């Protein structure tokens, strides 16, 4: 059983990378009013002030690094509300509330329950939605056209030195400010690229969305301290 637990812990590391680095950026924006002066700070201000409710989206997550050949790709759907999130892929369901995370893989008939370390909570989906002004500083923005659609490209730099993410770039559709792409680079030059589609903001999400119901006949591995 010990080897299986070791494998599960390694899988949690990757799943947590997906959860903590990826979904903190799935944000939708409201358009600027005509009188508003557009600037990197104003765009970042919309991130901080306009995200208030729920969001759900489909995603394609690609992770690549100079440390290995090729890349890792994960697809699925995410639902978010405050510090709660539900992520579903072909292989697992991940539900997080605060610092607790449940990971269920039907193929293994196992449920892993773990906690996120306090220092890592800044990367959790809920915390990132409400902490951009603490974690990042708006650096610059530019206008781009992708597949015939106008976008704003917003560059963010970390507010503190030695932050895990060394740079973060968001692509916002110009007409509705929906983020459909992001690229994050960390201190090890690992590249996280996210493509978002079917983004819906402010949709009703029932409380049971973020409640984990333990399936029958599964092994529970509880790593909470």
C-alpha atoms as a PDB file:
ATOM      1  CA  UNK A   1       0.000   0.000   0.000  1.00  0.00           C
ATOM      2  CA  UNK A   2       2.933   2.324   0.708  1.00  0.00           C
ATOM      3  CA  UNK A   3       4.056   2.422  -2.970  1.00  0.00           C
ATOM      4  CA  UNK A   4       0.496   3.294  -4.015  1.00  0.00           C
ATOM      5  CA  UNK A   5       0.398   6.130  -1.502  1.00  0.00           C
ATOM      6  CA  UNK A   6       3.708   7.415  -2.848  1.00  0.00           C
ATOM      7  CA  UNK A   7       2.292   7.373  -6.378  1.00  0.00           C
ATOM      8  CA  UNK A   8      -0.841   9.160  -5.201  1.00  0.00           C
ATOM      9  CA  UNK A   9       1.214  11.856  -3.483  1.00  0.00           C
ATOM     10  CA  UNK A  10       3.129  12.388  -6.728  1.00  0.00           C
ATOM     11  CA  UNK A  11      -0.164  12.647  -8.584  1.00  0.00           C
ATOM     12  CA  UNK A  12      -1.389  15.183  -6.035  1.00  0.00           C
ATOM     13  CA  UNK A  13       1.693  17.252  -6.798  1.00  0.00           C
ATOM     14  CA  UNK A  14       0.757  17.437 -10.491  1.00  0.00           C
ATOM     15  CA  UNK A  15      -2.957  17.842  -9.792  1.00  0.00           C
ATOM     16  CA  UNK A  16      -2.193  20.607  -7.325  1.00  0.00           C
ATOM     17  CA  UNK A  17       0.003  22.292  -9.938  1.00  0.00           C
ATOM     18  CA  UNK A  18      -2.935  22.226 -12.310  1.00  0.00           C
ATOM     19  CA  UNK A  19      -5.334  23.477  -9.645  1.00  0.00           C
ATOM     20  CA  UNK A  20      -3.171  26.059  -7.955  1.00  0.00           C
ATOM     21  CA  UNK A  21      -1.378  27.495 -10.957  1.00  0.00           C
ATOM     22  CA  UNK A  22      -3.982  27.018 -13.602  1.00  0.00           C
ATOM     23  CA  UNK A  23      -7.358  28.022 -12.335  1.00  0.00           C
ATOM     24  CA  UNK A  24      -6.417  31.115 -10.497  1.00  0.00           C
ATOM     25  CA  UNK A  25      -6.542  32.852 -13.884  1.00  0.00           C
ATOM     26  CA  UNK A  26      -9.950  31.844 -15.237  1.00  0.00           C
ATOM     27  CA  UNK A  27     -11.445  35.323 -14.945  1.00  0.00           C
ATOM     28  CA  UNK A  28     -14.077  37.242 -16.874  1.00  0.00           C
ATOM     29  CA  UNK A  29     -14.266  41.011 -17.133  1.00  0.00           C
ATOM     30  CA  UNK A  30     -16.865  43.657 -17.843  1.00  0.00           C
ATOM     31  CA  UNK A  31     -16.194  46.125 -20.666  1.00  0.00           C
ATOM     32  CA  UNK A  32     -14.702  49.525 -19.891  1.00  0.00           C
ATOM     33  CA  UNK A  33     -17.045  52.467 -19.834  1.00  0.00           C
ATOM     34  CA  UNK A  34     -16.326  55.019 -22.595  1.00  0.00           C
ATOM     35  CA  UNK A  35     -15.002  57.560 -20.092  1.00  0.00           C
ATOM     36  CA  UNK A  36     -12.485  55.181 -18.541  1.00  0.00           C
ATOM     37  CA  UNK A  37      -8.835  55.708 -19.438  1.00  0.00           C
ATOM     38  CA  UNK A  38      -7.397  52.382 -20.486  1.00  0.00           C
ATOM     39  CA  UNK A  39      -4.134  51.421 -18.805  1.00  0.00           C
ATOM     40  CA  UNK A  40      -2.467  48.291 -17.433  1.00  0.00           C
ATOM     41  CA  UNK A  41      -3.547  49.378 -13.958  1.00  0.00           C
ATOM     42  CA  UNK A  42      -7.182  49.821 -14.998  1.00  0.00           C
ATOM     43  CA  UNK A  43      -7.265  46.391 -16.607  1.00  0.00           C
ATOM     44  CA  UNK A  44      -5.778  44.837 -13.499  1.00  0.00           C
ATOM     45  CA  UNK A  45      -8.250  46.839 -11.431  1.00  0.00           C
ATOM     46  CA  UNK A  46     -11.084  45.150 -13.301  1.00  0.00           C
ATOM     47  CA  UNK A  47      -9.636  41.777 -12.351  1.00  0.00           C
ATOM     48  CA  UNK A  48      -9.675  42.749  -8.685  1.00  0.00           C
ATOM     49  CA  UNK A  49     -12.993  44.598  -8.502  1.00  0.00           C
ATOM     50  CA  UNK A  50     -15.259  42.956 -11.066  1.00  0.00           C
ATOM     51  CA  UNK A  51     -14.826  39.306 -10.199  1.00  0.00           C
ATOM     52  CA  UNK A  52     -17.463  38.838  -7.534  1.00  0.00           C
ATOM     53  CA  UNK A  53     -19.457  35.715  -8.315  1.00  0.00           C
ATOM     54  CA  UNK A  54     -19.132  32.352  -9.964  1.00  0.00           C
ATOM     55  CA  UNK A  55     -17.382  31.203 -13.124  1.00  0.00           C
ATOM     56  CA  UNK A  56     -17.229  28.017 -15.125  1.00  0.00           C
ATOM     57  CA  UNK A  57     -15.243  27.162 -18.247  1.00  0.00           C
ATOM     58  CA  UNK A  58     -13.721  24.394 -20.306  1.00  0.00           C
ATOM     59  CA  UNK A  59      -9.932  24.314 -20.426  1.00  0.00           C
ATOM     60  CA  UNK A  60      -6.895  22.889 -22.155  1.00  0.00           C
ATOM     61  CA  UNK A  61      -3.832  23.012 -19.919  1.00  0.00           C
ATOM     62  CA  UNK A  62      -0.343  22.503 -21.353  1.00  0.00           C
ATOM     63  CA  UNK A  63       2.748  22.239 -19.200  1.00  0.00           C
ATOM     64  CA  UNK A  64       6.239  22.276 -20.708  1.00  0.00           C
ATOM     65  CA  UNK A  65       9.766  22.806 -19.472  1.00  0.00           C
ATOM     66  CA  UNK A  66      13.358  22.807 -20.578  1.00  0.00           C
ATOM     67  CA  UNK A  67      13.905  20.089 -17.969  1.00  0.00           C
ATOM     68  CA  UNK A  68      12.039  17.444 -19.990  1.00  0.00           C
ATOM     69  CA  UNK A  69      11.109  16.663 -23.576  1.00  0.00           C
ATOM     70  CA  UNK A  70       7.588  17.182 -24.853  1.00  0.00           C
ATOM     71  CA  UNK A  71       4.721  18.559 -22.790  1.00  0.00           C
ATOM     72  CA  UNK A  72       1.854  17.431 -20.577  1.00  0.00           C
ATOM     73  CA  UNK A  73      -1.717  18.241 -21.590  1.00  0.00           C
ATOM     74  CA  UNK A  74      -4.860  18.103 -19.494  1.00  0.00           C
ATOM     75  CA  UNK A  75      -8.403  18.948 -20.590  1.00  0.00           C
ATOM     76  CA  UNK A  76     -11.575  19.312 -18.597  1.00  0.00           C
ATOM     77  CA  UNK A  77     -14.009  21.730 -17.025  1.00  0.00           C
ATOM     78  CA  UNK A  78     -13.803  23.930 -13.932  1.00  0.00           C
ATOM     79  CA  UNK A  79     -16.442  25.560 -11.718  1.00  0.00           C
ATOM     80  CA  UNK A  80     -15.509  28.207  -9.172  1.00  0.00           C
ATOM     81  CA  UNK A  81     -17.208  30.111  -6.371  1.00  0.00           C
ATOM     82  CA  UNK A  82     -15.051  32.051  -3.933  1.00  0.00           C
ATOM     83  CA  UNK A  83     -12.495  29.667  -2.438  1.00  0.00           C
ATOM     84  CA  UNK A  84     -14.441  26.626  -3.671  1.00  0.00           C
ATOM     85  CA  UNK A  85     -13.761  24.846  -6.941  1.00  0.00           C
ATOM     86  CA  UNK A  86     -14.677  21.693  -8.807  1.00  0.00           C
ATOM     87  CA  UNK A  87     -12.490  20.357 -11.612  1.00  0.00           C
ATOM     88  CA  UNK A  88     -13.502  17.402 -13.755  1.00  0.00           C
ATOM     89  CA  UNK A  89     -11.286  15.636 -16.293  1.00  0.00           C
ATOM     90  CA  UNK A  90     -11.543  12.262 -18.009  1.00  0.00           C
ATOM     91  CA  UNK A  91      -9.593  10.646 -15.199  1.00  0.00           C
ATOM     92  CA  UNK A  92     -10.433  12.429 -11.966  1.00  0.00           C
ATOM     93  CA  UNK A  93     -12.619  14.827 -10.053  1.00  0.00           C
ATOM     94  CA  UNK A  94     -10.992  17.437  -7.826  1.00  0.00           C
ATOM     95  CA  UNK A  95     -13.004  19.401  -5.270  1.00  0.00           C
ATOM     96  CA  UNK A  96     -11.427  22.076  -3.123  1.00  0.00           C
ATOM     97  CA  UNK A  97     -12.819  24.172  -0.290  1.00  0.00           C
ATOM     98  CA  UNK A  98     -10.453  26.471   1.527  1.00  0.00           C
ATOM     99  CA  UNK A  99      -7.274  24.542   2.239  1.00  0.00           C
ATOM    100  CA  UNK A 100      -8.814  21.061   1.848  1.00  0.00           C
ATOM    101  CA  UNK A 101      -8.784  19.109  -1.421  1.00  0.00           C
ATOM    102  CA  UNK A 102     -10.525  15.847  -2.413  1.00  0.00           C
ATOM    103  CA  UNK A 103      -9.197  13.942  -5.428  1.00  0.00           C
ATOM    104  CA  UNK A 104     -11.195  11.017  -6.769  1.00  0.00           C
ATOM    105  CA  UNK A 105      -9.909   8.675  -9.495  1.00  0.00           C
ATOM    106  CA  UNK A 106     -12.526   6.035 -10.382  1.00  0.00           C
ATOM    107  CA  UNK A 107      -9.930   3.918 -12.188  1.00  0.00           C
ATOM    108  CA  UNK A 108      -7.970   3.494  -8.939  1.00  0.00           C
ATOM    109  CA  UNK A 109     -11.076   3.306  -6.736  1.00  0.00           C
ATOM    110  CA  UNK A 110      -9.337   5.717  -4.402  1.00  0.00           C
ATOM    111  CA  UNK A 111     -10.156   9.045  -2.826  1.00  0.00           C
ATOM    112  CA  UNK A 112      -7.277  11.179  -1.637  1.00  0.00           C
ATOM    113  CA  UNK A 113      -7.967  13.889   0.934  1.00  0.00           C
ATOM    114  CA  UNK A 114      -5.211  16.400   1.569  1.00  0.00           C
ATOM    115  CA  UNK A 115      -4.603  19.989   2.608  1.00  0.00           C
ATOM    116  CA  UNK A 116      -2.805  22.846   0.898  1.00  0.00           C
ATOM    117  CA  UNK A 117       0.046  24.329   2.880  1.00  0.00           C
ATOM    118  CA  UNK A 118      -0.558  27.848   4.176  1.00  0.00           C
ATOM    119  CA  UNK A 119       2.236  29.284   2.028  1.00  0.00           C
ATOM    120  CA  UNK A 120       0.611  27.769  -1.083  1.00  0.00           C
ATOM    121  CA  UNK A 121      -2.868  29.160  -0.447  1.00  0.00           C
ATOM    122  CA  UNK A 122      -1.876  32.268  -2.404  1.00  0.00           C
ATOM    123  CA  UNK A 123      -1.952  30.042  -5.504  1.00  0.00           C
ATOM    124  CA  UNK A 124      -5.361  28.517  -4.820  1.00  0.00           C
ATOM    125  CA  UNK A 125      -8.190  29.458  -7.180  1.00  0.00           C
ATOM    126  CA  UNK A 126     -10.240  31.287  -4.572  1.00  0.00           C
ATOM    127  CA  UNK A 127      -7.347  33.228  -3.113  1.00  0.00           C
ATOM    128  CA  UNK A 128      -6.026  34.310  -6.494  1.00  0.00           C
ATOM    129  CA  UNK A 129      -9.355  35.795  -7.487  1.00  0.00           C
ATOM    130  CA  UNK A 130      -9.221  38.118  -4.521  1.00  0.00           C
ATOM    131  CA  UNK A 131      -5.468  38.683  -4.202  1.00  0.00           C
ATOM    132  CA  UNK A 132      -4.237  39.898  -7.582  1.00  0.00           C
ATOM    133  CA  UNK A 133      -3.495  43.338  -6.169  1.00  0.00           C
ATOM    134  CA  UNK A 134      -1.260  41.694  -3.548  1.00  0.00           C
ATOM    135  CA  UNK A 135       0.478  39.192  -5.811  1.00  0.00           C
ATOM    136  CA  UNK A 136       1.035  41.119  -9.064  1.00  0.00           C
ATOM    137  CA  UNK A 137       1.714  44.522 -10.530  1.00  0.00           C
ATOM    138  CA  UNK A 138       0.417  45.580 -13.930  1.00  0.00           C
ATOM    139  CA  UNK A 139       3.392  46.042 -16.243  1.00  0.00           C
ATOM    140  CA  UNK A 140       2.128  46.796 -19.733  1.00  0.00           C
ATOM    141  CA  UNK A 141      -0.599  45.987 -22.225  1.00  0.00           C
ATOM    142  CA  UNK A 142      -0.893  45.838 -25.997  1.00  0.00           C
ATOM    143  CA  UNK A 143      -3.547  45.134 -28.618  1.00  0.00           C
ATOM    144  CA  UNK A 144      -3.492  41.946 -30.668  1.00  0.00           C
ATOM    145  CA  UNK A 145      -5.752  40.135 -33.113  1.00  0.00           C
ATOM    146  CA  UNK A 146      -6.118  36.378 -32.730  1.00  0.00           C
ATOM    147  CA  UNK A 147      -8.152  34.455 -35.314  1.00  0.00           C
ATOM    148  CA  UNK A 148      -9.677  37.747 -36.414  1.00  0.00           C
ATOM    149  CA  UNK A 149     -10.778  38.715 -32.886  1.00  0.00           C
ATOM    150  CA  UNK A 150      -9.364  41.844 -31.146  1.00  0.00           C
ATOM    151  CA  UNK A 151      -7.643  41.196 -27.817  1.00  0.00           C
ATOM    152  CA  UNK A 152      -5.833  43.028 -25.048  1.00  0.00           C
ATOM    153  CA  UNK A 153      -2.598  41.358 -23.995  1.00  0.00           C
ATOM    154  CA  UNK A 154      -1.920  42.222 -20.353  1.00  0.00           C
ATOM    155  CA  UNK A 155       1.509  41.596 -18.835  1.00  0.00           C
ATOM    156  CA  UNK A 156       1.758  41.120 -15.068  1.00  0.00           C
ATOM    157  CA  UNK A 157       4.891  40.923 -12.925  1.00  0.00           C
ATOM    158  CA  UNK A 158       5.059  39.552  -9.367  1.00  0.00           C
ATOM    159  CA  UNK A 159       4.859  42.088  -6.568  1.00  0.00           C
ATOM    160  CA  UNK A 160       7.600  40.335  -4.579  1.00  0.00           C
ATOM    161  CA  UNK A 161      10.952  38.857  -5.505  1.00  0.00           C
ATOM    162  CA  UNK A 162      11.391  35.073  -5.542  1.00  0.00           C
ATOM    163  CA  UNK A 163       7.689  34.582  -6.294  1.00  0.00           C
ATOM    164  CA  UNK A 164       6.873  31.209  -7.870  1.00  0.00           C
ATOM    165  CA  UNK A 165       5.494  32.850 -11.029  1.00  0.00           C
ATOM    166  CA  UNK A 166       8.057  35.115 -12.696  1.00  0.00           C
ATOM    167  CA  UNK A 167       5.646  36.461 -15.337  1.00  0.00           C
ATOM    168  CA  UNK A 168       1.983  36.123 -16.222  1.00  0.00           C
ATOM    169  CA  UNK A 169       0.360  37.148 -19.513  1.00  0.00           C
ATOM    170  CA  UNK A 170      -3.414  37.308 -20.015  1.00  0.00           C
ATOM    171  CA  UNK A 171      -5.288  37.650 -23.307  1.00  0.00           C
ATOM    172  CA  UNK A 172      -8.626  39.462 -22.867  1.00  0.00           C
ATOM    173  CA  UNK A 173     -11.192  39.702 -25.630  1.00  0.00           C
ATOM    174  CA  UNK A 174     -11.586  43.392 -26.347  1.00  0.00           C
ATOM    175  CA  UNK A 175     -15.374  43.352 -26.599  1.00  0.00           C
ATOM    176  CA  UNK A 176     -16.226  41.641 -23.310  1.00  0.00           C
ATOM    177  CA  UNK A 177     -12.919  41.288 -21.433  1.00  0.00           C
ATOM    178  CA  UNK A 178     -13.216  37.498 -21.213  1.00  0.00           C
ATOM    179  CA  UNK A 179      -9.818  35.862 -20.695  1.00  0.00           C
ATOM    180  CA  UNK A 180      -9.405  33.015 -23.167  1.00  0.00           C
ATOM    181  CA  UNK A 181      -5.660  32.435 -22.956  1.00  0.00           C
ATOM    182  CA  UNK A 182      -2.856  32.825 -20.455  1.00  0.00           C
ATOM    183  CA  UNK A 183       0.812  31.967 -20.257  1.00  0.00           C
ATOM    184  CA  UNK A 184       2.691  31.751 -16.963  1.00  0.00           C
ATOM    185  CA  UNK A 185       6.434  31.229 -16.530  1.00  0.00           C
ATOM    186  CA  UNK A 186       7.879  30.168 -13.206  1.00  0.00           C
ATOM    187  CA  UNK A 187      11.327  30.534 -11.720  1.00  0.00           C
ATOM    188  CA  UNK A 188      12.401  27.210 -13.283  1.00  0.00           C
ATOM    189  CA  UNK A 189      11.259  28.350 -16.758  1.00  0.00           C
ATOM    190  CA  UNK A 190       8.356  25.916 -16.656  1.00  0.00           C
ATOM    191  CA  UNK A 191       5.677  27.196 -19.033  1.00  0.00           C
ATOM    192  CA  UNK A 192       2.006  26.880 -18.211  1.00  0.00           C
ATOM    193  CA  UNK A 193      -0.329  27.648 -21.112  1.00  0.00           C
ATOM    194  CA  UNK A 194      -4.094  27.710 -20.639  1.00  0.00           C
ATOM    195  CA  UNK A 195      -6.765  27.929 -23.314  1.00  0.00           C
ATOM    196  CA  UNK A 196     -10.261  28.654 -21.989  1.00  0.00           C
ATOM    197  CA  UNK A 197     -13.554  28.259 -23.824  1.00  0.00           C
ATOM    198  CA  UNK A 198     -17.274  28.376 -23.037  1.00  0.00           C
ATOM    199  CA  UNK A 199     -16.541  30.789 -20.194  1.00  0.00           C
ATOM    200  CA  UNK A 200     -19.662  31.687 -18.207  1.00  0.00           C
ATOM    201  CA  UNK A 201     -19.681  34.187 -15.375  1.00  0.00           C
ATOM    202  CA  UNK A 202     -22.286  34.666 -12.669  1.00  0.00           C
ATOM    203  CA  UNK A 203     -24.050  31.383 -13.381  1.00  0.00           C
ATOM    204  CA  UNK A 204     -26.022  29.758 -10.536  1.00  0.00           C
ATOM    205  CA  UNK A 205     -23.992  26.968  -8.958  1.00  0.00           C
ATOM    206  CA  UNK A 206     -25.807  24.945  -6.278  1.00  0.00           C
ATOM    207  CA  UNK A 207     -23.921  24.328  -2.993  1.00  0.00           C
ATOM    208  CA  UNK A 208     -23.687  20.588  -3.699  1.00  0.00           C
ATOM    209  CA  UNK A 209     -21.404  21.394  -6.637  1.00  0.00           C
ATOM    210  CA  UNK A 210     -18.598  21.794  -4.114  1.00  0.00           C
ATOM    211  CA  UNK A 211     -19.581  18.994  -1.748  1.00  0.00           C
ATOM    212  CA  UNK A 212     -17.820  15.662  -2.134  1.00  0.00           C
ATOM    213  CA  UNK A 213     -19.997  12.564  -1.759  1.00  0.00           C
ATOM    214  CA  UNK A 214     -17.876   9.534  -0.999  1.00  0.00           C
ATOM    215  CA  UNK A 215     -18.578   6.727  -3.501  1.00  0.00           C
ATOM    216  CA  UNK A 216     -19.159   3.210  -2.249  1.00  0.00           C
ATOM    217  CA  UNK A 217     -16.351   0.656  -2.164  1.00  0.00           C
ATOM    218  CA  UNK A 218     -13.476   3.086  -2.516  1.00  0.00           C
ATOM    219  CA  UNK A 219     -10.278   3.352  -0.511  1.00  0.00           C
ATOM    220  CA  UNK A 220      -9.834   6.624   1.342  1.00  0.00           C
ATOM    221  CA  UNK A 221      -6.306   7.944   1.839  1.00  0.00           C
ATOM    222  CA  UNK A 222      -6.426  10.854   4.253  1.00  0.00           C
ATOM    223  CA  UNK A 223      -3.221  12.911   4.266  1.00  0.00           C
ATOM    224  CA  UNK A 224      -4.613  15.845   6.213  1.00  0.00           C
ATOM    225  CA  UNK A 225      -2.368  16.904   9.050  1.00  0.00           C
END
